[in-house]
Amino acid sequence: MRTITVNVSEPVYEEFQQFARKKDRKTSELIREAMELYRQQHMGRRTSLRDRQPASVGGPIQPVTPDDDLLGDMLDDARN
């Protein structure tokens, strides 16, 4: 584990100290947990589209026929 120096306002640090005392824990533990939570929520591993499960969005709005140009519809392209 690496030791770092972080500057925080007195009121914020006092609040961490008070909460740590109530929970019978060290202030440094709470700060480490807060940093880890931030890391997970904001810096965590970004998943690839390959890692994601497909989501159902329902069925087609209208029936699709073999003559439909779906790519043109998706691109809003007039290919007639």
N, C-alpha and C. Protein backbone atom coordinates (compact mmCIF):
# COMPACT_ATOMS: atom_id res chain seq x y z
N MET A 1 0.85 -1.16 0.00
CA MET A 1 0.00 0.00 0.00
C MET A 1 0.90 1.23 0.00
N ARG A 2 0.48 2.25 -0.72
CA ARG A 2 1.28 3.47 -0.83
C ARG A 2 0.70 4.57 0.05
N THR A 3 1.57 5.34 0.68
CA THR A 3 1.15 6.47 1.49
C THR A 3 1.08 7.70 0.60
N ILE A 4 -0.03 8.45 0.72
CA ILE A 4 -0.20 9.68 -0.06
C ILE A 4 -0.61 10.81 0.87
N THR A 5 -0.48 12.03 0.39
CA THR A 5 -0.93 13.20 1.13
C THR A 5 -2.07 13.84 0.35
N VAL A 6 -3.18 14.08 1.02
CA VAL A 6 -4.35 14.68 0.39
C VAL A 6 -4.76 15.88 1.23
N ASN A 7 -4.97 17.01 0.58
CA ASN A 7 -5.44 18.21 1.28
C ASN A 7 -6.95 18.27 1.19
N VAL A 8 -7.60 18.34 2.35
CA VAL A 8 -9.06 18.48 2.41
C VAL A 8 -9.39 19.59 3.40
N SER A 9 -10.58 20.12 3.28
CA SER A 9 -10.98 21.18 4.21
C SER A 9 -11.16 20.59 5.61
N GLU A 10 -10.98 21.43 6.60
CA GLU A 10 -11.14 20.98 7.99
C GLU A 10 -12.53 20.40 8.25
N PRO A 11 -13.61 21.05 7.80
CA PRO A 11 -14.94 20.49 8.07
C PRO A 11 -15.14 19.09 7.47
N VAL A 12 -14.63 18.88 6.28
CA VAL A 12 -14.77 17.56 5.65
C VAL A 12 -14.01 16.51 6.45
N TYR A 13 -12.77 16.84 6.81
CA TYR A 13 -11.96 15.88 7.57
C TYR A 13 -12.58 15.59 8.93
N GLU A 14 -13.09 16.62 9.60
CA GLU A 14 -13.73 16.42 10.90
C GLU A 14 -14.96 15.52 10.78
N GLU A 15 -15.70 15.70 9.69
CA GLU A 15 -16.87 14.85 9.48
C GLU A 15 -16.46 13.39 9.30
N PHE A 16 -15.39 13.16 8.55
CA PHE A 16 -14.88 11.79 8.40
C PHE A 16 -14.43 11.24 9.75
N GLN A 17 -13.76 12.06 10.53
CA GLN A 17 -13.28 11.60 11.85
C GLN A 17 -14.45 11.23 12.76
N GLN A 18 -15.46 12.08 12.80
CA GLN A 18 -16.62 11.81 13.65
C GLN A 18 -17.32 10.52 13.22
N PHE A 19 -17.50 10.36 11.93
CA PHE A 19 -18.17 9.15 11.43
C PHE A 19 -17.33 7.92 11.73
N ALA A 20 -16.02 8.02 11.58
CA ALA A 20 -15.13 6.89 11.88
C ALA A 20 -15.23 6.50 13.34
N ARG A 21 -15.28 7.49 14.24
CA ARG A 21 -15.41 7.19 15.67
C ARG A 21 -16.73 6.46 15.96
N LYS A 22 -17.81 6.94 15.32
CA LYS A 22 -19.12 6.29 15.53
C LYS A 22 -19.11 4.84 15.08
N LYS A 23 -18.37 4.56 14.03
CA LYS A 23 -18.32 3.20 13.47
C LYS A 23 -17.16 2.38 14.03
N ASP A 24 -16.40 2.98 14.97
CA ASP A 24 -15.24 2.31 15.57
C ASP A 24 -14.26 1.86 14.49
N ARG A 25 -13.94 2.80 13.61
CA ARG A 25 -13.01 2.52 12.51
C ARG A 25 -12.01 3.66 12.40
N LYS A 26 -11.01 3.48 11.59
CA LYS A 26 -10.02 4.52 11.36
C LYS A 26 -10.49 5.42 10.23
N THR A 27 -10.17 6.70 10.35
CA THR A 27 -10.53 7.66 9.31
C THR A 27 -9.91 7.26 7.98
N SER A 28 -8.68 6.81 8.02
CA SER A 28 -7.99 6.42 6.79
C SER A 28 -8.72 5.27 6.08
N GLU A 29 -9.32 4.36 6.83
CA GLU A 29 -10.09 3.27 6.22
C GLU A 29 -11.27 3.82 5.43
N LEU A 30 -11.98 4.78 6.03
CA LEU A 30 -13.14 5.36 5.36
C LEU A 30 -12.73 6.08 4.08
N ILE A 31 -11.61 6.80 4.15
CA ILE A 31 -11.15 7.53 2.97
C ILE A 31 -10.72 6.56 1.87
N ARG A 32 -10.05 5.46 2.26
CA ARG A 32 -9.69 4.44 1.26
C ARG A 32 -10.93 3.85 0.61
N GLU A 33 -11.96 3.56 1.43
CA GLU A 33 -13.21 3.03 0.89
C GLU A 33 -13.87 4.02 -0.05
N ALA A 34 -13.86 5.29 0.32
CA ALA A 34 -14.45 6.32 -0.54
C ALA A 34 -13.71 6.40 -1.86
N MET A 35 -12.39 6.32 -1.81
CA MET A 35 -11.60 6.35 -3.05
C MET A 35 -11.89 5.13 -3.91
N GLU A 36 -12.01 3.97 -3.30
CA GLU A 36 -12.30 2.74 -4.05
C GLU A 36 -13.67 2.81 -4.69
N LEU A 37 -14.65 3.31 -3.96
CA LEU A 37 -15.99 3.45 -4.51
C LEU A 37 -15.99 4.40 -5.71
N TYR A 38 -15.28 5.50 -5.59
CA TYR A 38 -15.17 6.45 -6.71
C TYR A 38 -14.51 5.76 -7.90
N ARG A 39 -13.43 5.03 -7.64
CA ARG A 39 -12.73 4.33 -8.72
C ARG A 39 -13.65 3.37 -9.45
N GLN A 40 -14.42 2.60 -8.70
CA GLN A 40 -15.32 1.62 -9.31
C GLN A 40 -16.42 2.29 -10.14
N GLN A 41 -16.95 3.38 -9.63
CA GLN A 41 -18.07 4.04 -10.30
C GLN A 41 -17.64 4.92 -11.46
N HIS A 42 -16.45 5.50 -11.39
CA HIS A 42 -16.06 6.48 -12.40
C HIS A 42 -14.85 6.07 -13.24
N MET A 43 -14.06 5.17 -12.74
CA MET A 43 -12.84 4.81 -13.45
C MET A 43 -12.77 3.33 -13.77
N GLY A 44 -13.80 2.61 -13.40
CA GLY A 44 -13.80 1.16 -13.55
C GLY A 44 -13.63 0.71 -14.99
N ARG A 45 -13.37 -0.54 -15.14
CA ARG A 45 -13.17 -1.15 -16.46
C ARG A 45 -14.41 -0.93 -17.31
N ARG A 46 -14.20 -0.45 -18.48
CA ARG A 46 -15.29 -0.29 -19.43
C ARG A 46 -15.47 -1.61 -20.15
N THR A 47 -16.68 -2.08 -20.23
CA THR A 47 -16.91 -3.36 -20.89
C THR A 47 -17.02 -3.16 -22.39
N SER A 48 -16.65 -4.16 -23.10
CA SER A 48 -16.78 -4.18 -24.54
C SER A 48 -18.21 -4.53 -24.91
N LEU A 49 -18.64 -4.16 -26.07
CA LEU A 49 -19.96 -4.58 -26.54
C LEU A 49 -20.06 -6.10 -26.59
N ARG A 50 -18.94 -6.75 -26.81
CA ARG A 50 -18.93 -8.22 -26.86
C ARG A 50 -19.23 -8.83 -25.50
N ASP A 51 -18.96 -8.07 -24.41
CA ASP A 51 -19.21 -8.57 -23.06
C ASP A 51 -20.65 -8.38 -22.61
N ARG A 52 -21.40 -7.58 -23.32
CA ARG A 52 -22.76 -7.25 -22.91
C ARG A 52 -23.76 -8.27 -23.43
N GLN A 53 -24.81 -8.46 -22.66
CA GLN A 53 -25.89 -9.35 -23.05
C GLN A 53 -26.91 -8.58 -23.88
N PRO A 54 -27.50 -9.20 -24.88
CA PRO A 54 -28.50 -8.49 -25.67
C PRO A 54 -29.73 -8.15 -24.83
N ALA A 55 -30.37 -7.05 -25.17
CA ALA A 55 -31.57 -6.63 -24.47
C ALA A 55 -32.75 -6.72 -25.42
N SER A 56 -33.86 -7.20 -24.93
CA SER A 56 -35.06 -7.29 -25.75
C SER A 56 -35.75 -5.92 -25.77
N VAL A 57 -36.05 -5.47 -26.96
CA VAL A 57 -36.75 -4.19 -27.11
C VAL A 57 -38.11 -4.41 -27.77
N GLY A 58 -38.57 -5.65 -27.75
CA GLY A 58 -39.87 -5.97 -28.35
C GLY A 58 -39.71 -6.45 -29.77
N GLY A 59 -40.82 -6.59 -30.44
CA GLY A 59 -40.80 -7.07 -31.83
C GLY A 59 -40.78 -5.94 -32.82
N PRO A 60 -40.79 -6.28 -34.10
CA PRO A 60 -40.80 -5.24 -35.14
C PRO A 60 -42.11 -4.45 -35.12
N ILE A 61 -42.03 -3.21 -35.53
CA ILE A 61 -43.21 -2.36 -35.57
C ILE A 61 -44.16 -2.81 -36.69
N GLN A 62 -43.56 -3.25 -37.78
CA GLN A 62 -44.36 -3.77 -38.89
C GLN A 62 -43.63 -4.98 -39.46
N PRO A 63 -44.34 -5.87 -40.14
CA PRO A 63 -43.69 -7.07 -40.68
C PRO A 63 -42.60 -6.70 -41.70
N VAL A 64 -41.53 -7.49 -41.70
CA VAL A 64 -40.43 -7.28 -42.63
C VAL A 64 -40.56 -8.28 -43.76
N THR A 65 -40.48 -7.78 -44.98
CA THR A 65 -40.55 -8.65 -46.16
C THR A 65 -39.16 -8.75 -46.79
N PRO A 66 -38.93 -9.77 -47.63
CA PRO A 66 -37.62 -9.91 -48.28
C PRO A 66 -37.27 -8.71 -49.16
N ASP A 67 -38.26 -7.96 -49.61
CA ASP A 67 -37.98 -6.82 -50.49
C ASP A 67 -37.64 -5.54 -49.72
N ASP A 68 -37.77 -5.56 -48.40
CA ASP A 68 -37.48 -4.36 -47.62
C ASP A 68 -35.99 -4.05 -47.62
N ASP A 69 -35.67 -2.78 -47.73
CA ASP A 69 -34.29 -2.33 -47.68
C ASP A 69 -34.02 -1.78 -46.27
N LEU A 70 -33.68 -2.68 -45.35
CA LEU A 70 -33.50 -2.28 -43.95
C LEU A 70 -32.33 -1.33 -43.77
N LEU A 71 -31.24 -1.55 -44.51
CA LEU A 71 -30.09 -0.67 -44.38
C LEU A 71 -30.46 0.75 -44.81
N GLY A 72 -31.19 0.86 -45.90
CA GLY A 72 -31.65 2.18 -46.35
C GLY A 72 -32.55 2.83 -45.33
N ASP A 73 -33.42 2.06 -44.72
CA ASP A 73 -34.31 2.61 -43.69
C ASP A 73 -33.51 3.09 -42.49
N MET A 74 -32.49 2.30 -42.08
CA MET A 74 -31.68 2.70 -40.93
C MET A 74 -30.88 3.96 -41.23
N LEU A 75 -30.42 4.08 -42.47
CA LEU A 75 -29.63 5.24 -42.84
C LEU A 75 -30.48 6.39 -43.33
N ASP A 76 -31.79 6.20 -43.35
CA ASP A 76 -32.74 7.18 -43.88
C ASP A 76 -32.34 7.57 -45.30
N ASP A 77 -32.12 6.51 -46.07
CA ASP A 77 -31.59 6.66 -47.43
C ASP A 77 -32.68 6.25 -48.42
N ALA A 78 -32.92 7.05 -49.42
CA ALA A 78 -33.89 6.71 -50.46
C ALA A 78 -33.15 5.94 -51.55
N ARG A 79 -33.30 4.62 -51.56
CA ARG A 79 -32.56 3.78 -52.52
C ARG A 79 -33.47 3.21 -53.60
N ASN A 80 -34.55 3.83 -53.90
CA ASN A 80 -35.48 3.28 -54.89
C ASN A 80 -35.03 3.54 -56.28
